[in-house]
């Protein structure tokens, strides 16, 4: 498994699913949504995300994980995932849609740089927090 294009989890109601943004799930997304992943990401950035795109992202990402486990026949249906999305509320799902599309479309180098940038930002914030505590304690 590519650690920079790794799986990530989403909670839908009482269930937690793993999404895998691999090539096959990306193709499955495009077939189901009838839109390219690039178009979907552009629309997402313009705050225009059709329900079928949201459902197709989550469903195909989950299927990617089941495929990796050689249990694709046990993957939840598109309809079932749609029901869970509606119960959960679409606004809470949108960050996962963006994460999936971003991971699926970015190069390994872009994802690695982003991860390192995030790690450095978190490290820098922690250092600043420690400095403030030390200064207050003097």
N, C-alpha and C. Protein backbone atom coordinates (compact mmCIF):
# COMPACT_ATOMS: atom_id res chain seq x y z
N UNK A 1 0.84 -1.19 0.00
CA UNK A 1 0.00 0.00 0.00
C UNK A 1 0.88 1.24 0.00
N UNK A 2 0.50 2.21 -0.75
CA UNK A 2 1.21 3.48 -0.83
C UNK A 2 0.85 4.32 0.39
N UNK A 3 1.82 4.63 1.26
CA UNK A 3 1.49 5.32 2.50
C UNK A 3 1.00 6.74 2.28
N UNK A 4 1.32 7.36 1.15
CA UNK A 4 0.87 8.72 0.89
C UNK A 4 -0.52 8.75 0.25
N UNK A 5 -0.96 7.64 -0.27
CA UNK A 5 -2.27 7.57 -0.90
C UNK A 5 -3.15 6.64 -0.07
N UNK A 6 -2.93 6.66 1.22
CA UNK A 6 -3.52 5.69 2.10
C UNK A 6 -5.01 5.78 2.29
N UNK A 7 -5.51 4.71 2.85
CA UNK A 7 -6.92 4.62 3.19
C UNK A 7 -7.24 5.62 4.29
N UNK A 8 -8.49 5.98 4.40
CA UNK A 8 -8.93 6.80 5.52
C UNK A 8 -10.36 6.41 5.86
N UNK A 9 -10.77 6.74 7.07
CA UNK A 9 -12.06 6.29 7.56
C UNK A 9 -13.11 7.38 7.53
N UNK A 10 -14.35 6.93 7.45
CA UNK A 10 -15.51 7.81 7.53
C UNK A 10 -16.56 7.10 8.39
N UNK A 11 -17.17 7.85 9.27
CA UNK A 11 -18.26 7.32 10.08
C UNK A 11 -19.58 7.76 9.46
N UNK A 12 -20.44 6.80 9.25
CA UNK A 12 -21.78 7.05 8.73
C UNK A 12 -22.74 6.40 9.71
N UNK A 13 -23.37 7.22 10.52
CA UNK A 13 -24.24 6.68 11.56
C UNK A 13 -23.40 5.91 12.57
N UNK A 14 -23.82 4.69 12.83
CA UNK A 14 -23.11 3.85 13.80
C UNK A 14 -22.01 3.01 13.16
N UNK A 15 -21.81 3.19 11.87
CA UNK A 15 -20.85 2.37 11.14
C UNK A 15 -19.63 3.20 10.72
N UNK A 16 -18.50 2.55 10.72
CA UNK A 16 -17.27 3.18 10.24
C UNK A 16 -16.79 2.38 9.03
N UNK A 17 -16.50 3.12 7.96
CA UNK A 17 -16.03 2.51 6.73
C UNK A 17 -14.66 3.06 6.39
N UNK A 18 -13.90 2.27 5.66
CA UNK A 18 -12.61 2.70 5.16
C UNK A 18 -12.74 2.99 3.68
N UNK A 19 -12.22 4.14 3.27
CA UNK A 19 -12.19 4.52 1.86
C UNK A 19 -10.78 4.33 1.34
N UNK A 20 -10.68 3.79 0.15
CA UNK A 20 -9.38 3.57 -0.49
C UNK A 20 -9.39 4.27 -1.84
N UNK A 21 -8.63 5.35 -1.96
CA UNK A 21 -8.61 6.12 -3.22
C UNK A 21 -7.62 5.54 -4.23
N UNK A 22 -7.89 4.35 -4.71
CA UNK A 22 -7.01 3.73 -5.69
C UNK A 22 -7.56 3.91 -7.10
N UNK A 23 -6.83 3.44 -8.09
CA UNK A 23 -7.20 3.66 -9.48
C UNK A 23 -8.53 3.02 -9.84
N UNK A 24 -8.73 1.78 -9.38
CA UNK A 24 -9.98 1.09 -9.72
C UNK A 24 -11.20 1.79 -9.12
N UNK A 25 -11.06 2.24 -7.88
CA UNK A 25 -12.21 2.92 -7.27
C UNK A 25 -12.45 4.27 -7.95
N UNK A 26 -11.39 4.90 -8.42
CA UNK A 26 -11.53 6.17 -9.15
C UNK A 26 -12.30 5.94 -10.46
N UNK A 27 -11.96 4.89 -11.16
CA UNK A 27 -12.69 4.55 -12.40
C UNK A 27 -14.14 4.23 -12.10
N UNK A 28 -14.36 3.50 -11.02
CA UNK A 28 -15.71 3.15 -10.61
C UNK A 28 -16.51 4.41 -10.26
N UNK A 29 -15.84 5.35 -9.58
CA UNK A 29 -16.49 6.64 -9.28
C UNK A 29 -16.94 7.33 -10.56
N UNK A 30 -16.02 7.43 -11.53
CA UNK A 30 -16.34 8.14 -12.78
C UNK A 30 -17.49 7.46 -13.53
N UNK A 31 -17.52 6.14 -13.53
CA UNK A 31 -18.62 5.42 -14.17
C UNK A 31 -19.96 5.72 -13.48
N UNK A 32 -19.96 5.69 -12.16
CA UNK A 32 -21.19 5.87 -11.40
C UNK A 32 -21.68 7.32 -11.46
N UNK A 33 -20.76 8.27 -11.31
CA UNK A 33 -21.14 9.69 -11.27
C UNK A 33 -21.32 10.28 -12.67
N UNK A 34 -20.78 9.61 -13.66
CA UNK A 34 -20.82 10.09 -15.05
C UNK A 34 -20.17 11.46 -15.19
N UNK A 35 -19.08 11.64 -14.47
CA UNK A 35 -18.29 12.86 -14.53
C UNK A 35 -16.85 12.46 -14.21
N UNK A 36 -15.89 13.16 -14.80
CA UNK A 36 -14.50 12.84 -14.48
C UNK A 36 -14.16 13.34 -13.08
N UNK A 37 -13.18 12.71 -12.49
CA UNK A 37 -12.76 13.12 -11.15
C UNK A 37 -12.23 14.55 -11.16
N UNK A 38 -11.55 14.94 -12.23
CA UNK A 38 -11.05 16.32 -12.33
C UNK A 38 -12.20 17.32 -12.36
N UNK A 39 -13.24 17.01 -13.13
CA UNK A 39 -14.41 17.89 -13.18
C UNK A 39 -15.09 17.95 -11.82
N UNK A 40 -15.20 16.82 -11.15
CA UNK A 40 -15.83 16.79 -9.83
C UNK A 40 -15.05 17.63 -8.83
N UNK A 41 -13.72 17.55 -8.88
CA UNK A 41 -12.90 18.33 -7.96
C UNK A 41 -13.03 19.82 -8.26
N UNK A 42 -13.05 20.19 -9.54
CA UNK A 42 -13.25 21.61 -9.91
C UNK A 42 -14.61 22.10 -9.42
N UNK A 43 -15.64 21.30 -9.62
CA UNK A 43 -16.97 21.68 -9.15
C UNK A 43 -17.01 21.79 -7.63
N UNK A 44 -16.31 20.89 -6.96
CA UNK A 44 -16.26 20.93 -5.50
C UNK A 44 -15.65 22.25 -5.03
N UNK A 45 -14.58 22.67 -5.68
CA UNK A 45 -13.92 23.92 -5.31
C UNK A 45 -14.80 25.14 -5.59
N UNK A 46 -15.77 24.97 -6.49
CA UNK A 46 -16.72 26.06 -6.78
C UNK A 46 -18.00 25.89 -5.96
N UNK A 47 -17.96 24.95 -5.01
CA UNK A 47 -19.09 24.67 -4.13
C UNK A 47 -20.34 24.19 -4.88
N UNK A 48 -20.10 23.44 -5.94
CA UNK A 48 -21.19 22.82 -6.71
C UNK A 48 -20.96 21.32 -6.72
N UNK A 49 -21.55 20.63 -5.77
CA UNK A 49 -21.32 19.20 -5.66
C UNK A 49 -22.66 18.46 -5.73
N UNK A 50 -22.95 17.85 -6.87
CA UNK A 50 -24.21 17.10 -6.98
C UNK A 50 -24.22 15.89 -6.04
N UNK A 51 -25.41 15.52 -5.61
CA UNK A 51 -25.56 14.38 -4.70
C UNK A 51 -24.98 13.11 -5.29
N UNK A 52 -25.12 12.92 -6.60
CA UNK A 52 -24.60 11.68 -7.19
C UNK A 52 -23.08 11.63 -7.10
N UNK A 53 -22.41 12.77 -7.10
CA UNK A 53 -20.95 12.80 -6.93
C UNK A 53 -20.59 12.41 -5.50
N UNK A 54 -21.31 12.97 -4.54
CA UNK A 54 -21.04 12.65 -3.13
C UNK A 54 -21.22 11.15 -2.90
N UNK A 55 -22.35 10.63 -3.34
CA UNK A 55 -22.61 9.20 -3.16
C UNK A 55 -21.62 8.32 -3.88
N UNK A 56 -21.27 8.69 -5.10
CA UNK A 56 -20.34 7.87 -5.89
C UNK A 56 -18.95 7.86 -5.28
N UNK A 57 -18.51 9.00 -4.73
CA UNK A 57 -17.18 9.05 -4.08
C UNK A 57 -17.14 8.10 -2.90
N UNK A 58 -18.11 8.25 -2.00
CA UNK A 58 -18.09 7.43 -0.78
C UNK A 58 -18.26 5.95 -1.12
N UNK A 59 -19.19 5.63 -1.98
CA UNK A 59 -19.45 4.24 -2.37
C UNK A 59 -18.22 3.61 -3.04
N UNK A 60 -17.65 4.30 -4.02
CA UNK A 60 -16.51 3.70 -4.74
C UNK A 60 -15.28 3.61 -3.85
N UNK A 61 -15.09 4.58 -2.96
CA UNK A 61 -13.96 4.50 -2.01
C UNK A 61 -14.09 3.31 -1.08
N UNK A 62 -15.31 3.07 -0.59
CA UNK A 62 -15.56 1.91 0.27
C UNK A 62 -15.33 0.63 -0.52
N UNK A 63 -15.81 0.59 -1.75
CA UNK A 63 -15.60 -0.60 -2.59
C UNK A 63 -14.10 -0.84 -2.84
N UNK A 64 -13.33 0.23 -2.96
CA UNK A 64 -11.88 0.08 -3.12
C UNK A 64 -11.26 -0.67 -1.95
N UNK A 65 -11.72 -0.35 -0.76
CA UNK A 65 -11.21 -1.04 0.44
C UNK A 65 -11.65 -2.50 0.44
N UNK A 66 -12.92 -2.76 0.15
CA UNK A 66 -13.40 -4.14 0.10
C UNK A 66 -12.66 -4.93 -0.99
N UNK A 67 -12.37 -4.28 -2.10
CA UNK A 67 -11.64 -4.96 -3.18
C UNK A 67 -10.25 -5.37 -2.68
N UNK A 68 -9.60 -4.47 -1.96
CA UNK A 68 -8.27 -4.76 -1.41
C UNK A 68 -8.30 -5.98 -0.48
N UNK A 69 -9.41 -6.14 0.23
CA UNK A 69 -9.56 -7.27 1.15
C UNK A 69 -10.06 -8.54 0.46
N UNK A 70 -10.25 -8.45 -0.87
CA UNK A 70 -10.83 -9.57 -1.65
C UNK A 70 -12.22 -9.94 -1.14
N UNK A 71 -13.00 -8.90 -0.77
CA UNK A 71 -14.36 -9.11 -0.28
C UNK A 71 -15.33 -8.19 -1.02
N UNK A 72 -15.08 -7.91 -2.28
CA UNK A 72 -15.89 -6.96 -3.03
C UNK A 72 -17.36 -7.37 -3.05
N UNK A 73 -17.64 -8.65 -3.00
CA UNK A 73 -19.02 -9.12 -3.01
C UNK A 73 -19.76 -8.78 -1.71
N UNK A 74 -19.03 -8.37 -0.69
CA UNK A 74 -19.62 -8.00 0.60
C UNK A 74 -19.73 -6.48 0.79
N UNK A 75 -19.30 -5.72 -0.21
CA UNK A 75 -19.35 -4.26 -0.11
C UNK A 75 -20.79 -3.79 -0.04
N UNK A 76 -21.06 -2.73 0.73
CA UNK A 76 -22.43 -2.22 0.80
C UNK A 76 -22.88 -1.64 -0.54
N UNK A 77 -24.18 -1.66 -0.76
CA UNK A 77 -24.73 -1.17 -2.02
C UNK A 77 -24.69 0.36 -2.08
N UNK A 78 -24.78 0.87 -3.28
CA UNK A 78 -24.84 2.31 -3.51
C UNK A 78 -26.06 2.91 -2.80
N UNK A 79 -27.17 2.23 -2.90
CA UNK A 79 -28.40 2.69 -2.26
C UNK A 79 -28.25 2.77 -0.74
N UNK A 80 -27.64 1.75 -0.15
CA UNK A 80 -27.44 1.73 1.30
C UNK A 80 -26.53 2.88 1.74
N UNK A 81 -25.44 3.08 1.02
CA UNK A 81 -24.53 4.18 1.35
C UNK A 81 -25.25 5.52 1.21
N UNK A 82 -26.07 5.65 0.19
CA UNK A 82 -26.86 6.87 0.02
C UNK A 82 -27.78 7.15 1.21
N UNK A 83 -28.42 6.10 1.71
CA UNK A 83 -29.29 6.24 2.88
C UNK A 83 -28.50 6.71 4.10
N UNK A 84 -27.31 6.14 4.28
CA UNK A 84 -26.47 6.53 5.41
C UNK A 84 -25.99 7.98 5.28
N UNK A 85 -25.66 8.40 4.06
CA UNK A 85 -25.23 9.77 3.83
C UNK A 85 -26.34 10.75 4.19
N UNK A 86 -27.56 10.45 3.78
CA UNK A 86 -28.69 11.33 4.09
C UNK A 86 -28.91 11.40 5.60
N UNK A 87 -28.85 10.26 6.26
CA UNK A 87 -29.02 10.25 7.73
C UNK A 87 -27.92 11.04 8.42
N UNK A 88 -26.70 10.92 7.93
CA UNK A 88 -25.55 11.61 8.53
C UNK A 88 -25.61 13.11 8.28
N UNK A 89 -26.07 13.49 7.11
CA UNK A 89 -26.10 14.90 6.72
C UNK A 89 -24.97 15.20 5.76
N UNK A 90 -25.32 15.70 4.60
CA UNK A 90 -24.34 15.93 3.54
C UNK A 90 -23.19 16.86 3.97
N UNK A 91 -23.44 17.95 4.69
CA UNK A 91 -22.30 18.83 5.05
C UNK A 91 -21.17 18.12 5.79
N UNK A 92 -21.50 17.14 6.62
CA UNK A 92 -20.44 16.44 7.36
C UNK A 92 -19.66 15.47 6.47
N UNK A 93 -20.20 15.16 5.31
CA UNK A 93 -19.55 14.22 4.38
C UNK A 93 -18.58 14.93 3.45
N UNK A 94 -18.82 16.20 3.18
CA UNK A 94 -18.04 16.93 2.16
C UNK A 94 -16.52 16.90 2.38
N UNK A 95 -16.01 17.04 3.60
CA UNK A 95 -14.55 16.95 3.75
C UNK A 95 -13.97 15.61 3.28
N UNK A 96 -14.73 14.55 3.46
CA UNK A 96 -14.27 13.22 3.02
C UNK A 96 -14.29 13.12 1.49
N UNK A 97 -15.27 13.76 0.87
CA UNK A 97 -15.34 13.78 -0.59
C UNK A 97 -14.11 14.49 -1.14
N UNK A 98 -13.78 15.63 -0.55
CA UNK A 98 -12.61 16.39 -0.99
C UNK A 98 -11.32 15.60 -0.76
N UNK A 99 -11.21 14.96 0.40
CA UNK A 99 -10.01 14.17 0.69
C UNK A 99 -9.83 13.04 -0.31
N UNK A 100 -10.91 12.34 -0.62
CA UNK A 100 -10.84 11.25 -1.58
C UNK A 100 -10.38 11.75 -2.95
N UNK A 101 -11.06 12.78 -3.46
CA UNK A 101 -10.71 13.30 -4.79
C UNK A 101 -9.27 13.82 -4.81
N UNK A 102 -8.87 14.52 -3.77
CA UNK A 102 -7.50 15.06 -3.72
C UNK A 102 -6.47 13.95 -3.71
N UNK A 103 -6.68 12.95 -2.87
CA UNK A 103 -5.73 11.84 -2.80
C UNK A 103 -5.70 11.04 -4.10
N UNK A 104 -6.85 10.84 -4.69
CA UNK A 104 -6.94 10.03 -5.91
C UNK A 104 -6.27 10.72 -7.09
N UNK A 105 -6.29 12.04 -7.13
CA UNK A 105 -5.79 12.77 -8.29
C UNK A 105 -4.37 13.31 -8.14
N UNK A 106 -3.87 13.39 -6.94
CA UNK A 106 -2.54 13.96 -6.72
C UNK A 106 -1.45 12.93 -6.97
N UNK A 107 -0.29 13.42 -7.35
CA UNK A 107 0.86 12.52 -7.50
C UNK A 107 1.39 12.14 -6.12
N UNK A 108 2.15 11.08 -6.06
CA UNK A 108 2.75 10.66 -4.79
C UNK A 108 3.61 11.78 -4.20
N UNK A 109 4.34 12.47 -5.07
CA UNK A 109 5.22 13.54 -4.60
C UNK A 109 4.41 14.70 -4.00
N UNK A 110 3.28 15.03 -4.62
CA UNK A 110 2.43 16.09 -4.09
C UNK A 110 1.86 15.69 -2.73
N UNK A 111 1.42 14.46 -2.61
CA UNK A 111 0.86 14.01 -1.35
C UNK A 111 1.93 13.95 -0.26
N UNK A 112 3.12 13.52 -0.61
CA UNK A 112 4.21 13.46 0.36
C UNK A 112 4.57 14.87 0.83
N UNK A 113 4.67 15.82 -0.10
CA UNK A 113 4.99 17.21 0.25
C UNK A 113 3.91 17.79 1.16
N UNK A 114 2.65 17.51 0.85
CA UNK A 114 1.55 18.01 1.67
C UNK A 114 1.61 17.42 3.08
N UNK A 115 1.88 16.12 3.16
CA UNK A 115 1.98 15.48 4.47
C UNK A 115 3.13 16.07 5.28
N UNK A 116 4.26 16.29 4.63
CA UNK A 116 5.41 16.88 5.32
C UNK A 116 5.11 18.30 5.76
N UNK A 117 4.43 19.05 4.90
CA UNK A 117 4.05 20.42 5.24
C UNK A 117 3.13 20.44 6.45
N UNK A 118 2.16 19.54 6.46
CA UNK A 118 1.23 19.44 7.59
C UNK A 118 1.97 19.02 8.86
N UNK A 119 2.90 18.09 8.72
CA UNK A 119 3.69 17.65 9.87
C UNK A 119 4.54 18.76 10.42
N UNK A 120 5.16 19.55 9.53
CA UNK A 120 5.97 20.68 9.97
C UNK A 120 5.11 21.76 10.62
N UNK A 121 3.92 22.00 10.09
CA UNK A 121 3.02 23.00 10.66
C UNK A 121 2.59 22.57 12.06
N UNK A 122 2.26 21.29 12.22
CA UNK A 122 1.86 20.78 13.53
C UNK A 122 3.04 20.84 14.49
N UNK A 123 4.22 20.49 14.01
CA UNK A 123 5.42 20.54 14.85
C UNK A 123 5.72 21.98 15.27
N UNK A 124 5.58 22.91 14.33
CA UNK A 124 5.83 24.33 14.63
C UNK A 124 4.84 24.86 15.64
N UNK A 125 3.58 24.48 15.54
CA UNK A 125 2.56 24.92 16.49
C UNK A 125 2.84 24.37 17.87
N UNK A 126 3.29 23.12 17.94
CA UNK A 126 3.63 22.51 19.21
C UNK A 126 4.82 23.22 19.84
N UNK A 127 5.83 23.55 19.04
CA UNK A 127 7.00 24.27 19.54
C UNK A 127 6.59 25.64 20.08
N UNK A 128 5.74 26.36 19.34
CA UNK A 128 5.26 27.67 19.78
C UNK A 128 4.50 27.55 21.10
N UNK A 129 3.68 26.53 21.22
CA UNK A 129 2.90 26.30 22.43
C UNK A 129 3.83 26.05 23.61
N UNK A 130 4.88 25.28 23.40
CA UNK A 130 5.84 24.98 24.47
C UNK A 130 6.59 26.24 24.87
N UNK A 131 6.95 27.07 23.89
CA UNK A 131 7.65 28.31 24.19
C UNK A 131 6.79 29.22 25.05
N UNK A 132 5.50 29.32 24.73
CA UNK A 132 4.59 30.16 25.50
C UNK A 132 4.48 29.67 26.93
N UNK A 133 4.40 28.35 27.12
CA UNK A 133 4.31 27.78 28.47
C UNK A 133 5.58 28.05 29.26
N UNK A 134 6.73 27.92 28.59
CA UNK A 134 8.00 28.18 29.25
C UNK A 134 8.12 29.64 29.65
N UNK A 135 7.71 30.54 28.75
CA UNK A 135 7.79 31.97 29.02
C UNK A 135 6.86 32.35 30.18
N UNK A 136 5.67 31.79 30.22
CA UNK A 136 4.72 32.07 31.30
C UNK A 136 5.22 31.57 32.64
N UNK A 137 5.94 30.46 32.60
CA UNK A 137 6.42 29.86 33.83
C UNK A 137 7.60 30.60 34.44
N UNK A 138 8.24 31.51 33.72
CA UNK A 138 9.42 32.22 34.23
C UNK A 138 9.06 33.41 35.06
